Amino acid sequence: MVGTNVKAETMKLMDERANKEAEMDVIIKRLCEPGGPGLSGNLVDSEGFPRTDIDIPTVRADRRRLAELRNDHKIMTEKIDQNIQVLHSAGLASAPSSVKDSEDTAGLGVQGSAVNVATAATSAMDVDVSFSRPFAVIDEITEASPAAEDGLQLGDQVVRFGNVQSGENLLQRLAAEAQSNKGCAISMMVMRQGAMTNVKVTPRAWQGRGLLGCNFRIL
């Protein structure tokens, strides 16, 4: 019963988080449209006067709402992480001792339906499948870049990059996430050689292009 309640709560949180992501997409697209102020661009001109080509109160409201949504998204993601751990613990505890994970699932546990485990375990895996599906892969890393120095590797499949996990306009949202966290560590979850790995990367200025020096290819 506990596992069922946790799973239901987790699925509800995932739906709510998806709604938050959709609203963030709309705001980011509006702020970053051609001629727009962007996520952190100046609202005054070169002479220090308020810009007349944008609706400053609306921009401020959008930026404030985006900050609120990101904070809510972070809290939801942390709660989902906690629930996933609970579901995994329940699943591992109730799995028959005679069942042995295949090489594809060992240490990862996202394809539990491939083995004959208990219902609680299968429920945990069902949630984790949607939670941990990679949406991008790192297919290029420049030597001596922040990405290289912070431990990203070629072939890393990105499951989460800060508050970005799924949805539309992923490249735009990835760029916005890096820009808004310049100088601050971003928590990433990547699938590396079949295992989930947490990596901390800090977007920052360096001698090369961009703030990370790597390329995300959307899957």
N, C-alpha and C. Protein backbone atom coordinates (compact mmCIF):
# COMPACT_ATOMS: atom_id res chain seq x y z
N MET A 1 0.83 -1.21 0.00
CA MET A 1 0.00 0.00 0.00
C MET A 1 0.87 1.25 0.00
N VAL A 2 1.93 1.23 0.85
CA VAL A 2 2.82 2.39 0.91
C VAL A 2 3.46 2.64 -0.44
N GLY A 3 3.94 1.54 -1.09
CA GLY A 3 4.56 1.69 -2.40
C GLY A 3 3.60 2.27 -3.42
N THR A 4 2.32 1.82 -3.35
CA THR A 4 1.31 2.32 -4.29
C THR A 4 1.07 3.82 -4.09
N ASN A 5 0.99 4.24 -2.81
CA ASN A 5 0.77 5.65 -2.51
C ASN A 5 1.94 6.50 -2.97
N VAL A 6 3.15 6.00 -2.74
CA VAL A 6 4.35 6.76 -3.16
C VAL A 6 4.40 6.87 -4.68
N LYS A 7 4.07 5.78 -5.36
CA LYS A 7 4.07 5.81 -6.82
C LYS A 7 3.05 6.81 -7.34
N ALA A 8 1.84 6.81 -6.75
CA ALA A 8 0.79 7.73 -7.17
C ALA A 8 1.23 9.18 -6.95
N GLU A 9 1.85 9.42 -5.80
CA GLU A 9 2.33 10.77 -5.50
C GLU A 9 3.40 11.19 -6.51
N THR A 10 4.29 10.25 -6.83
CA THR A 10 5.38 10.55 -7.76
C THR A 10 4.85 10.85 -9.15
N MET A 11 3.90 10.06 -9.62
CA MET A 11 3.32 10.31 -10.94
C MET A 11 2.62 11.66 -10.98
N LYS A 12 1.94 12.02 -9.88
CA LYS A 12 1.26 13.31 -9.81
C LYS A 12 2.29 14.44 -9.85
N LEU A 13 3.39 14.27 -9.12
CA LEU A 13 4.44 15.27 -9.12
C LEU A 13 5.05 15.43 -10.51
N MET A 14 5.22 14.30 -11.22
CA MET A 14 5.77 14.36 -12.57
C MET A 14 4.85 15.14 -13.51
N ASP A 15 3.54 14.92 -13.36
CA ASP A 15 2.58 15.67 -14.18
C ASP A 15 2.63 17.16 -13.87
N GLU A 16 2.68 17.48 -12.58
CA GLU A 16 2.74 18.88 -12.18
C GLU A 16 4.04 19.52 -12.67
N ARG A 17 5.12 18.76 -12.59
CA ARG A 17 6.41 19.30 -13.05
C ARG A 17 6.39 19.54 -14.56
N ALA A 18 5.75 18.65 -15.29
CA ALA A 18 5.64 18.83 -16.74
C ALA A 18 4.86 20.10 -17.07
N ASN A 19 3.83 20.38 -16.27
CA ASN A 19 3.07 21.62 -16.48
C ASN A 19 3.94 22.84 -16.20
N LYS A 20 4.77 22.76 -15.16
CA LYS A 20 5.69 23.85 -14.85
C LYS A 20 6.67 24.06 -16.00
N GLU A 21 7.17 22.94 -16.56
CA GLU A 21 8.12 23.03 -17.66
C GLU A 21 7.48 23.68 -18.89
N ALA A 22 6.22 23.33 -19.14
CA ALA A 22 5.52 23.92 -20.28
C ALA A 22 5.36 25.43 -20.10
N GLU A 23 5.04 25.85 -18.88
CA GLU A 23 4.89 27.29 -18.62
C GLU A 23 6.24 27.99 -18.73
N MET A 24 7.30 27.34 -18.25
CA MET A 24 8.64 27.93 -18.38
C MET A 24 9.03 28.08 -19.84
N ASP A 25 8.69 27.08 -20.65
CA ASP A 25 8.99 27.15 -22.08
C ASP A 25 8.36 28.39 -22.71
N VAL A 26 7.10 28.64 -22.36
CA VAL A 26 6.38 29.78 -22.94
C VAL A 26 7.05 31.09 -22.55
N ILE A 27 7.41 31.21 -21.27
CA ILE A 27 8.04 32.45 -20.79
C ILE A 27 9.41 32.65 -21.43
N ILE A 28 10.21 31.57 -21.46
CA ILE A 28 11.55 31.67 -22.05
C ILE A 28 11.47 32.06 -23.51
N LYS A 29 10.54 31.45 -24.24
CA LYS A 29 10.37 31.77 -25.66
C LYS A 29 9.99 33.23 -25.84
N ARG A 30 9.12 33.74 -24.97
CA ARG A 30 8.68 35.12 -25.07
C ARG A 30 9.83 36.09 -24.76
N LEU A 31 10.59 35.80 -23.72
CA LEU A 31 11.69 36.68 -23.34
C LEU A 31 12.83 36.67 -24.35
N CYS A 32 13.02 35.51 -25.00
CA CYS A 32 14.18 35.35 -25.88
C CYS A 32 13.83 35.52 -27.36
N GLU A 33 12.65 36.01 -27.65
CA GLU A 33 12.30 36.24 -29.06
C GLU A 33 13.16 37.36 -29.62
N PRO A 34 13.34 37.46 -30.95
CA PRO A 34 14.18 38.50 -31.56
C PRO A 34 13.82 39.89 -31.04
N GLY A 35 14.84 40.60 -30.57
CA GLY A 35 14.61 41.94 -30.05
C GLY A 35 14.19 41.96 -28.59
N GLY A 36 13.98 40.78 -28.02
CA GLY A 36 13.55 40.69 -26.64
C GLY A 36 14.71 40.92 -25.67
N PRO A 37 14.41 41.06 -24.39
CA PRO A 37 15.44 41.35 -23.40
C PRO A 37 16.20 40.12 -22.92
N GLY A 38 15.73 38.92 -23.29
CA GLY A 38 16.37 37.71 -22.81
C GLY A 38 16.06 37.46 -21.35
N LEU A 39 16.78 36.52 -20.75
CA LEU A 39 16.51 36.15 -19.36
C LEU A 39 17.15 37.11 -18.38
N SER A 40 18.17 37.84 -18.80
CA SER A 40 18.86 38.73 -17.87
C SER A 40 19.38 39.99 -18.53
N GLY A 41 18.89 40.29 -19.74
CA GLY A 41 19.36 41.47 -20.46
C GLY A 41 18.93 42.77 -19.78
N ASN A 42 19.65 43.84 -20.09
CA ASN A 42 19.36 45.13 -19.49
C ASN A 42 17.98 45.65 -19.90
N LEU A 43 17.34 46.34 -18.97
CA LEU A 43 16.05 46.96 -19.24
C LEU A 43 16.20 48.46 -19.48
N VAL A 44 17.46 48.92 -19.51
CA VAL A 44 17.74 50.33 -19.81
C VAL A 44 18.63 50.40 -21.04
N ASP A 45 18.61 51.53 -21.72
CA ASP A 45 19.45 51.68 -22.90
C ASP A 45 20.85 52.14 -22.52
N SER A 46 21.67 52.42 -23.52
CA SER A 46 23.07 52.79 -23.27
C SER A 46 23.21 54.08 -22.49
N GLU A 47 22.17 54.89 -22.49
CA GLU A 47 22.21 56.16 -21.77
C GLU A 47 21.58 56.05 -20.39
N GLY A 48 21.12 54.86 -20.05
CA GLY A 48 20.56 54.66 -18.72
C GLY A 48 19.08 54.91 -18.61
N PHE A 49 18.41 55.12 -19.74
CA PHE A 49 16.96 55.35 -19.72
C PHE A 49 16.23 54.03 -19.95
N PRO A 50 15.02 53.89 -19.40
CA PRO A 50 14.24 52.67 -19.63
C PRO A 50 14.03 52.43 -21.12
N ARG A 51 14.21 51.18 -21.53
CA ARG A 51 14.03 50.85 -22.94
C ARG A 51 12.58 51.07 -23.36
N THR A 52 12.42 51.65 -24.54
CA THR A 52 11.08 51.93 -25.03
C THR A 52 10.57 50.86 -25.99
N ASP A 53 11.45 49.91 -26.34
CA ASP A 53 11.06 48.89 -27.30
C ASP A 53 10.50 47.64 -26.63
N ILE A 54 10.44 47.64 -25.31
CA ILE A 54 9.90 46.49 -24.60
C ILE A 54 8.95 46.96 -23.51
N ASP A 55 8.07 46.05 -23.09
CA ASP A 55 7.14 46.34 -22.00
C ASP A 55 7.82 45.92 -20.69
N ILE A 56 8.47 46.87 -20.04
CA ILE A 56 9.29 46.57 -18.87
C ILE A 56 8.51 45.90 -17.74
N PRO A 57 7.31 46.37 -17.36
CA PRO A 57 6.57 45.68 -16.29
C PRO A 57 6.27 44.22 -16.63
N THR A 58 5.95 43.96 -17.90
CA THR A 58 5.66 42.58 -18.31
C THR A 58 6.92 41.72 -18.24
N VAL A 59 8.04 42.30 -18.68
CA VAL A 59 9.31 41.55 -18.63
C VAL A 59 9.67 41.21 -17.19
N ARG A 60 9.53 42.18 -16.30
CA ARG A 60 9.84 41.93 -14.89
C ARG A 60 8.91 40.86 -14.31
N ALA A 61 7.64 40.91 -14.68
CA ALA A 61 6.70 39.91 -14.20
C ALA A 61 7.06 38.53 -14.72
N ASP A 62 7.45 38.45 -16.00
CA ASP A 62 7.85 37.17 -16.60
C ASP A 62 9.07 36.61 -15.89
N ARG A 63 10.06 37.45 -15.66
CA ARG A 63 11.28 36.99 -15.00
C ARG A 63 11.00 36.53 -13.57
N ARG A 64 10.13 37.25 -12.88
CA ARG A 64 9.78 36.87 -11.51
C ARG A 64 9.04 35.53 -11.50
N ARG A 65 8.11 35.36 -12.44
CA ARG A 65 7.37 34.11 -12.53
C ARG A 65 8.29 32.96 -12.91
N LEU A 66 9.24 33.20 -13.80
CA LEU A 66 10.18 32.16 -14.20
C LEU A 66 11.02 31.71 -13.01
N ALA A 67 11.45 32.65 -12.18
CA ALA A 67 12.22 32.30 -10.99
C ALA A 67 11.38 31.45 -10.04
N GLU A 68 10.10 31.80 -9.89
CA GLU A 68 9.20 31.01 -9.04
C GLU A 68 9.04 29.60 -9.58
N LEU A 69 8.84 29.50 -10.89
CA LEU A 69 8.65 28.19 -11.51
C LEU A 69 9.90 27.32 -11.35
N ARG A 70 11.07 27.92 -11.53
CA ARG A 70 12.32 27.16 -11.39
C ARG A 70 12.48 26.66 -9.97
N ASN A 71 12.11 27.48 -9.00
CA ASN A 71 12.22 27.06 -7.61
C ASN A 71 11.25 25.91 -7.33
N ASP A 72 10.01 26.03 -7.83
CA ASP A 72 9.02 24.95 -7.66
C ASP A 72 9.51 23.68 -8.35
N HIS A 73 10.08 23.83 -9.55
CA HIS A 73 10.58 22.69 -10.32
C HIS A 73 11.68 21.97 -9.55
N LYS A 74 12.58 22.75 -8.94
CA LYS A 74 13.67 22.16 -8.17
C LYS A 74 13.14 21.36 -6.99
N ILE A 75 12.17 21.94 -6.26
CA ILE A 75 11.59 21.25 -5.11
C ILE A 75 10.90 19.96 -5.54
N MET A 76 10.14 20.02 -6.63
CA MET A 76 9.45 18.83 -7.13
C MET A 76 10.44 17.75 -7.54
N THR A 77 11.52 18.16 -8.22
CA THR A 77 12.52 17.19 -8.68
C THR A 77 13.18 16.50 -7.50
N GLU A 78 13.49 17.27 -6.46
CA GLU A 78 14.09 16.68 -5.26
C GLU A 78 13.15 15.68 -4.60
N LYS A 79 11.86 16.03 -4.55
CA LYS A 79 10.88 15.12 -3.95
C LYS A 79 10.73 13.86 -4.79
N ILE A 80 10.73 14.02 -6.11
CA ILE A 80 10.64 12.85 -7.00
C ILE A 80 11.85 11.95 -6.79
N ASP A 81 13.04 12.56 -6.66
CA ASP A 81 14.25 11.78 -6.40
C ASP A 81 14.10 10.95 -5.12
N GLN A 82 13.59 11.60 -4.08
CA GLN A 82 13.40 10.90 -2.81
C GLN A 82 12.42 9.73 -2.95
N ASN A 83 11.32 9.99 -3.65
CA ASN A 83 10.33 8.93 -3.85
C ASN A 83 10.88 7.76 -4.66
N ILE A 84 11.67 8.09 -5.67
CA ILE A 84 12.28 7.03 -6.48
C ILE A 84 13.15 6.13 -5.61
N GLN A 85 13.91 6.75 -4.70
CA GLN A 85 14.76 5.96 -3.81
C GLN A 85 13.92 5.06 -2.91
N VAL A 86 12.78 5.59 -2.43
CA VAL A 86 11.88 4.79 -1.60
C VAL A 86 11.34 3.60 -2.38
N LEU A 87 10.91 3.87 -3.63
CA LEU A 87 10.37 2.81 -4.46
C LEU A 87 11.43 1.76 -4.79
N HIS A 88 12.66 2.21 -5.03
CA HIS A 88 13.73 1.26 -5.29
C HIS A 88 14.00 0.39 -4.07
N SER A 89 14.01 1.02 -2.90
CA SER A 89 14.26 0.26 -1.67
C SER A 89 13.19 -0.80 -1.47
N ALA A 90 11.93 -0.41 -1.69
CA ALA A 90 10.83 -1.36 -1.54
C ALA A 90 10.94 -2.46 -2.58
N GLY A 91 11.32 -2.10 -3.79
CA GLY A 91 11.43 -3.09 -4.86
C GLY A 91 12.54 -4.08 -4.61
N LEU A 92 13.71 -3.56 -4.15
CA LEU A 92 14.83 -4.45 -3.90
C LEU A 92 14.55 -5.37 -2.72
N ALA A 93 13.79 -4.84 -1.73
CA ALA A 93 13.50 -5.65 -0.54
C ALA A 93 12.54 -6.78 -0.87
N SER A 94 11.64 -6.56 -1.86
CA SER A 94 10.62 -7.56 -2.14
C SER A 94 10.96 -8.44 -3.33
N ALA A 95 12.09 -8.22 -3.96
CA ALA A 95 12.48 -9.04 -5.11
C ALA A 95 12.96 -10.40 -4.64
N PRO A 96 12.55 -11.49 -5.29
CA PRO A 96 13.01 -12.82 -4.91
C PRO A 96 14.52 -12.92 -4.99
N SER A 97 15.12 -13.61 -4.01
CA SER A 97 16.57 -13.70 -3.96
C SER A 97 17.12 -14.51 -5.12
N SER A 98 16.27 -15.32 -5.75
CA SER A 98 16.74 -16.16 -6.84
C SER A 98 16.84 -15.39 -8.15
N VAL A 99 16.26 -14.19 -8.17
CA VAL A 99 16.29 -13.41 -9.41
C VAL A 99 17.62 -12.67 -9.50
N LYS A 100 18.24 -12.75 -10.63
CA LYS A 100 19.50 -12.06 -10.85
C LYS A 100 19.34 -11.08 -12.00
N ASP A 101 19.74 -9.83 -11.76
CA ASP A 101 19.62 -8.83 -12.82
C ASP A 101 20.48 -9.21 -14.01
N SER A 102 20.00 -8.85 -15.19
CA SER A 102 20.81 -9.05 -16.39
C SER A 102 21.87 -7.97 -16.44
N GLU A 103 22.84 -8.12 -17.34
CA GLU A 103 23.89 -7.12 -17.46
C GLU A 103 23.33 -5.76 -17.83
N ASP A 104 22.22 -5.74 -18.58
CA ASP A 104 21.65 -4.47 -19.00
C ASP A 104 21.02 -3.70 -17.85
N THR A 105 20.58 -4.42 -16.77
CA THR A 105 19.88 -3.75 -15.69
C THR A 105 20.71 -3.65 -14.42
N ALA A 106 21.82 -4.36 -14.36
CA ALA A 106 22.62 -4.36 -13.14
C ALA A 106 23.09 -2.95 -12.81
N GLY A 107 22.84 -2.56 -11.55
CA GLY A 107 23.29 -1.26 -11.10
C GLY A 107 22.46 -0.11 -11.61
N LEU A 108 21.45 -0.37 -12.42
CA LEU A 108 20.65 0.70 -12.98
C LEU A 108 19.20 0.56 -12.59
N GLY A 109 18.63 -0.60 -12.80
CA GLY A 109 17.28 -0.87 -12.35
C GLY A 109 16.20 -0.08 -13.03
N VAL A 110 16.31 0.17 -14.33
CA VAL A 110 15.26 0.91 -15.02
C VAL A 110 14.48 0.02 -15.98
N GLN A 111 14.83 -1.25 -16.06
CA GLN A 111 14.12 -2.15 -16.94
C GLN A 111 13.69 -3.39 -16.16
N GLY A 112 13.13 -3.16 -14.98
CA GLY A 112 12.77 -4.27 -14.10
C GLY A 112 11.73 -5.20 -14.70
N SER A 113 10.93 -4.71 -15.67
CA SER A 113 9.91 -5.56 -16.23
C SER A 113 10.50 -6.71 -17.03
N ALA A 114 11.79 -6.66 -17.32
CA ALA A 114 12.44 -7.71 -18.09
C ALA A 114 12.71 -8.94 -17.23
N VAL A 115 12.62 -8.77 -15.89
CA VAL A 115 12.83 -9.91 -15.01
C VAL A 115 11.59 -10.09 -14.17
N ASN A 116 11.41 -11.29 -13.63
CA ASN A 116 10.20 -11.63 -12.91
C ASN A 116 10.32 -11.24 -11.45
N VAL A 117 10.21 -9.95 -11.17
CA VAL A 117 10.34 -9.48 -9.80
C VAL A 117 8.95 -9.24 -9.24
N ALA A 118 8.89 -8.92 -7.96
CA ALA A 118 7.62 -8.70 -7.29
C ALA A 118 6.96 -7.44 -7.81
N THR A 119 5.65 -7.32 -7.55
CA THR A 119 4.87 -6.19 -8.06
C THR A 119 5.43 -4.86 -7.60
N ALA A 120 5.85 -4.77 -6.34
CA ALA A 120 6.39 -3.50 -5.83
C ALA A 120 7.62 -3.10 -6.60
N ALA A 121 8.46 -4.06 -6.94
CA ALA A 121 9.67 -3.76 -7.70
C ALA A 121 9.32 -3.26 -9.08
N THR A 122 8.36 -3.94 -9.72
CA THR A 122 7.96 -3.53 -11.06
C THR A 122 7.39 -2.12 -11.06
N SER A 123 6.59 -1.79 -10.02
CA SER A 123 6.04 -0.44 -9.91
C SER A 123 7.15 0.58 -9.81
N ALA A 124 8.17 0.27 -9.02
CA ALA A 124 9.29 1.20 -8.88
C ALA A 124 9.97 1.41 -10.22
N MET A 125 10.15 0.32 -10.97
CA MET A 125 10.83 0.44 -12.25
C MET A 125 9.99 1.23 -13.25
N ASP A 126 8.68 1.02 -13.22
CA ASP A 126 7.80 1.74 -14.14
C ASP A 126 7.97 3.24 -13.98
N VAL A 127 8.02 3.69 -12.72
CA VAL A 127 8.20 5.12 -12.48
C VAL A 127 9.57 5.56 -12.95
N ASP A 128 10.59 4.74 -12.65
CA ASP A 128 11.96 5.15 -12.95
C ASP A 128 12.24 5.20 -14.44
N VAL A 129 11.52 4.38 -15.23
CA VAL A 129 11.72 4.40 -16.68
C VAL A 129 11.43 5.79 -17.22
N SER A 130 10.29 6.36 -16.84
CA SER A 130 9.94 7.68 -17.36
C SER A 130 10.80 8.76 -16.72
N PHE A 131 11.25 8.51 -15.50
CA PHE A 131 12.04 9.50 -14.79
C PHE A 131 13.45 9.62 -15.35
N SER A 132 14.00 8.49 -15.79
CA SER A 132 15.42 8.48 -16.11
C SER A 132 15.71 8.27 -17.60
N ARG A 133 14.80 8.68 -18.46
CA ARG A 133 15.04 8.52 -19.89
C ARG A 133 15.93 9.66 -20.39
N PRO A 134 17.10 9.36 -20.96
CA PRO A 134 17.98 10.42 -21.46
C PRO A 134 17.32 11.23 -22.58
N PHE A 135 17.59 12.51 -22.62
CA PHE A 135 17.03 13.35 -23.68
C PHE A 135 18.10 13.95 -24.58
N ALA A 136 19.38 13.78 -24.20
CA ALA A 136 20.47 14.32 -25.01
C ALA A 136 21.73 13.52 -24.75
N VAL A 137 22.69 13.65 -25.65
CA VAL A 137 23.97 12.98 -25.48
C VAL A 137 25.09 14.00 -25.72
N ILE A 138 26.16 13.89 -24.95
CA ILE A 138 27.32 14.76 -25.14
C ILE A 138 28.16 14.16 -26.25
N ASP A 139 28.17 14.81 -27.43
CA ASP A 139 28.90 14.23 -28.57
C ASP A 139 30.14 15.03 -28.94
N GLU A 140 30.45 16.06 -28.15
CA GLU A 140 31.67 16.83 -28.41
C GLU A 140 32.08 17.57 -27.14
N ILE A 141 33.34 17.46 -26.76
CA ILE A 141 33.87 18.18 -25.60
C ILE A 141 35.22 18.77 -25.99
N THR A 142 35.38 20.05 -25.78
CA THR A 142 36.64 20.72 -26.11
C THR A 142 37.63 20.56 -24.97
N GLU A 143 38.87 20.29 -25.31
CA GLU A 143 39.92 20.11 -24.31
C GLU A 143 40.07 21.37 -23.46
N ALA A 144 40.27 21.20 -22.17
CA ALA A 144 40.48 22.29 -21.22
C ALA A 144 39.24 23.16 -21.01
N SER A 145 38.09 22.69 -21.47
CA SER A 145 36.84 23.42 -21.29
C SER A 145 36.28 23.14 -19.90
N PRO A 146 35.31 23.94 -19.43
CA PRO A 146 34.67 23.65 -18.15
C PRO A 146 34.06 22.25 -18.11
N ALA A 147 33.45 21.83 -19.22
CA ALA A 147 32.85 20.50 -19.27
C ALA A 147 33.90 19.41 -19.05
N ALA A 148 35.06 19.57 -19.70
CA ALA A 148 36.13 18.58 -19.57
C ALA A 148 36.71 18.59 -18.16
N GLU A 149 36.94 19.79 -17.63
CA GLU A 149 37.55 19.90 -16.30
C GLU A 149 36.61 19.41 -15.19
N ASP A 150 35.31 19.56 -15.41
CA ASP A 150 34.35 19.17 -14.38
C ASP A 150 33.93 17.71 -14.46
N GLY A 151 34.43 16.99 -15.46
CA GLY A 151 34.22 15.54 -15.46
C GLY A 151 33.22 14.98 -16.45
N LEU A 152 32.67 15.80 -17.35
CA LEU A 152 31.80 15.23 -18.38
C LEU A 152 32.64 14.41 -19.34
N GLN A 153 32.01 13.39 -19.93
CA GLN A 153 32.71 12.51 -20.87
C GLN A 153 31.91 12.36 -22.15
N LEU A 154 32.62 12.15 -23.25
CA LEU A 154 31.96 11.89 -24.53
C LEU A 154 31.06 10.67 -24.38
N GLY A 155 29.87 10.78 -24.91
CA GLY A 155 28.93 9.66 -24.84
C GLY A 155 28.02 9.70 -23.63
N ASP A 156 28.27 10.61 -22.69
CA ASP A 156 27.36 10.74 -21.54
C ASP A 156 25.96 11.07 -22.05
N GLN A 157 24.98 10.32 -21.60
CA GLN A 157 23.59 10.57 -21.97
C GLN A 157 22.93 11.38 -20.86
N VAL A 158 22.43 12.54 -21.21
CA VAL A 158 21.93 13.48 -20.21
C VAL A 158 20.49 13.16 -19.82
N VAL A 159 20.29 12.90 -18.55
CA VAL A 159 18.96 12.63 -18.01
C VAL A 159 18.38 13.92 -17.40
N ARG A 160 19.26 14.68 -16.74
CA ARG A 160 18.82 15.95 -16.17
C ARG A 160 19.98 16.93 -16.17
N PHE A 161 19.71 18.17 -16.52
CA PHE A 161 20.70 19.24 -16.48
C PHE A 161 20.09 20.39 -15.68
N GLY A 162 20.40 20.45 -14.40
CA GLY A 162 19.77 21.44 -13.54
C GLY A 162 18.27 21.20 -13.49
N ASN A 163 17.50 22.20 -13.92
CA ASN A 163 16.04 22.07 -13.93
C ASN A 163 15.50 21.54 -15.25
N VAL A 164 16.39 21.26 -16.20
CA VAL A 164 15.95 20.78 -17.52
C VAL A 164 15.99 19.26 -17.54
N GLN A 165 14.85 18.68 -17.86
CA GLN A 165 14.80 17.22 -17.89
C GLN A 165 14.07 16.67 -19.11
N SER A 166 13.06 17.35 -19.57
CA SER A 166 12.30 16.86 -20.72
C SER A 166 11.49 18.01 -21.26
N GLY A 167 10.71 17.73 -22.31
CA GLY A 167 9.83 18.76 -22.86
C GLY A 167 10.32 19.30 -24.19
N GLU A 168 9.78 20.44 -24.57
CA GLU A 168 10.11 21.04 -25.85
C GLU A 168 11.19 22.12 -25.69
N ASN A 169 11.69 22.59 -26.83
CA ASN A 169 12.70 23.66 -26.86
C ASN A 169 13.89 23.34 -25.94
N LEU A 170 14.35 22.11 -26.00
CA LEU A 170 15.38 21.67 -25.07
C LEU A 170 16.70 22.42 -25.23
N LEU A 171 17.14 22.64 -26.47
CA LEU A 171 18.41 23.35 -26.67
C LEU A 171 18.34 24.75 -26.10
N GLN A 172 17.22 25.43 -26.34
CA GLN A 172 17.04 26.78 -25.82
C GLN A 172 17.02 26.78 -24.30
N ARG A 173 16.35 25.79 -23.72
CA ARG A 173 16.27 25.71 -22.26
C ARG A 173 17.62 25.33 -21.65
N LEU A 174 18.39 24.48 -22.33
CA LEU A 174 19.72 24.14 -21.84
C LEU A 174 20.62 25.37 -21.82
N ALA A 175 20.56 26.15 -22.90
CA ALA A 175 21.38 27.37 -22.98
C ALA A 175 20.96 28.36 -21.89
N ALA A 176 19.65 28.49 -21.69
CA ALA A 176 19.14 29.41 -20.67
C ALA A 176 19.55 28.96 -19.27
N GLU A 177 19.51 27.66 -19.04
CA GLU A 177 19.89 27.12 -17.73
C GLU A 177 21.36 27.39 -17.44
N ALA A 178 22.22 27.20 -18.45
CA ALA A 178 23.65 27.47 -18.28
C ALA A 178 23.89 28.95 -18.03
N GLN A 179 23.23 29.80 -18.82
CA GLN A 179 23.42 31.24 -18.69
C GLN A 179 22.97 31.75 -17.32
N SER A 180 21.82 31.27 -16.86
CA SER A 180 21.28 31.75 -15.59
C SER A 180 22.04 31.20 -14.38
N ASN A 181 22.89 30.19 -14.60
CA ASN A 181 23.69 29.62 -13.51
C ASN A 181 25.18 29.87 -13.71
N LYS A 182 25.52 30.91 -14.46
CA LYS A 182 26.92 31.22 -14.71
C LYS A 182 27.66 31.41 -13.39
N GLY A 183 28.73 30.65 -13.22
CA GLY A 183 29.52 30.73 -12.00
C GLY A 183 29.00 29.88 -10.86
N CYS A 184 27.88 29.19 -11.08
CA CYS A 184 27.29 28.34 -10.04
C CYS A 184 27.24 26.89 -10.53
N ALA A 185 27.50 25.96 -9.64
CA ALA A 185 27.50 24.55 -10.02
C ALA A 185 26.09 24.07 -10.35
N ILE A 186 25.97 23.33 -11.44
CA ILE A 186 24.71 22.74 -11.86
C ILE A 186 24.82 21.23 -11.65
N SER A 187 23.80 20.66 -11.04
CA SER A 187 23.77 19.21 -10.84
C SER A 187 23.24 18.53 -12.10
N MET A 188 24.01 17.60 -12.61
CA MET A 188 23.60 16.84 -13.79
C MET A 188 23.47 15.37 -13.41
N MET A 189 22.51 14.71 -14.05
CA MET A 189 22.41 13.25 -13.96
C MET A 189 22.64 12.71 -15.36
N VAL A 190 23.64 11.85 -15.51
CA VAL A 190 23.94 11.28 -16.81
C VAL A 190 23.98 9.77 -16.72
N MET A 191 23.69 9.13 -17.83
CA MET A 191 23.84 7.69 -17.93
C MET A 191 25.18 7.43 -18.62
N ARG A 192 26.08 6.80 -17.89
CA ARG A 192 27.43 6.57 -18.39
C ARG A 192 27.75 5.08 -18.32
N GLN A 193 27.92 4.49 -19.48
CA GLN A 193 28.23 3.06 -19.57
C GLN A 193 27.22 2.22 -18.78
N GLY A 194 25.94 2.59 -18.92
CA GLY A 194 24.87 1.81 -18.32
C GLY A 194 24.57 2.11 -16.87
N ALA A 195 25.27 3.07 -16.28
CA ALA A 195 25.04 3.40 -14.88
C ALA A 195 24.73 4.88 -14.72
N MET A 196 23.83 5.19 -13.79
CA MET A 196 23.51 6.57 -13.51
C MET A 196 24.66 7.22 -12.74
N THR A 197 25.05 8.41 -13.15
CA THR A 197 26.15 9.13 -12.52
C THR A 197 25.77 10.59 -12.32
N ASN A 198 26.05 11.12 -11.14
CA ASN A 198 25.82 12.53 -10.87
C ASN A 198 27.10 13.32 -11.12
N VAL A 199 26.98 14.41 -11.84
CA VAL A 199 28.13 15.26 -12.17
C VAL A 199 27.76 16.70 -11.86
N LYS A 200 28.70 17.44 -11.28
CA LYS A 200 28.52 18.87 -11.03
C LYS A 200 29.34 19.65 -12.05
N VAL A 201 28.69 20.50 -12.81
CA VAL A 201 29.40 21.33 -13.79
C VAL A 201 29.09 22.80 -13.50
N THR A 202 30.08 23.64 -13.72
CA THR A 202 29.91 25.08 -13.46
C THR A 202 30.09 25.86 -14.75
N PRO A 203 29.02 26.38 -15.33
CA PRO A 203 29.15 27.21 -16.54
C PRO A 203 29.99 28.44 -16.22
N ARG A 204 30.99 28.72 -17.02
CA ARG A 204 31.87 29.85 -16.75
C ARG A 204 32.61 30.26 -18.01
N ALA A 205 33.08 31.50 -17.98
CA ALA A 205 33.86 32.00 -19.11
C ALA A 205 35.21 31.31 -19.13
N TRP A 206 35.69 30.99 -20.32
CA TRP A 206 37.00 30.36 -20.49
C TRP A 206 37.53 30.83 -21.84
N GLN A 207 38.64 30.27 -22.28
CA GLN A 207 39.26 30.76 -23.51
C GLN A 207 38.51 30.36 -24.78
N GLY A 208 37.62 29.38 -24.67
CA GLY A 208 36.88 28.93 -25.84
C GLY A 208 35.47 29.50 -25.90
N ARG A 209 34.65 28.92 -26.77
CA ARG A 209 33.29 29.39 -26.98
C ARG A 209 32.33 28.82 -25.94
N GLY A 210 31.28 29.60 -25.66
CA GLY A 210 30.25 29.14 -24.75
C GLY A 210 30.70 29.14 -23.30
N LEU A 211 29.84 28.61 -22.46
CA LEU A 211 30.13 28.56 -21.03
C LEU A 211 30.52 27.17 -20.55
N LEU A 212 30.36 26.17 -21.42
CA LEU A 212 30.70 24.80 -21.04
C LEU A 212 31.74 24.16 -21.95
N GLY A 213 31.68 24.50 -23.24
CA GLY A 213 32.63 23.91 -24.16
C GLY A 213 32.30 22.49 -24.56
N CYS A 214 31.00 22.17 -24.60
CA CYS A 214 30.58 20.86 -25.05
C CYS A 214 29.31 21.01 -25.88
N ASN A 215 28.96 19.95 -26.58
CA ASN A 215 27.78 19.99 -27.44
C ASN A 215 26.76 18.96 -26.99
N PHE A 216 25.51 19.43 -26.82
CA PHE A 216 24.42 18.54 -26.49
C PHE A 216 23.67 18.19 -27.78
N ARG A 217 23.57 16.90 -28.08
CA ARG A 217 22.77 16.47 -29.23
C ARG A 217 21.48 15.85 -28.70
N ILE A 218 20.36 16.48 -29.06
CA ILE A 218 19.07 16.02 -28.57
C ILE A 218 18.74 14.65 -29.18
N LEU A 219 18.28 13.75 -28.36
CA LEU A 219 17.96 12.39 -28.82
C LEU A 219 16.53 12.33 -29.35
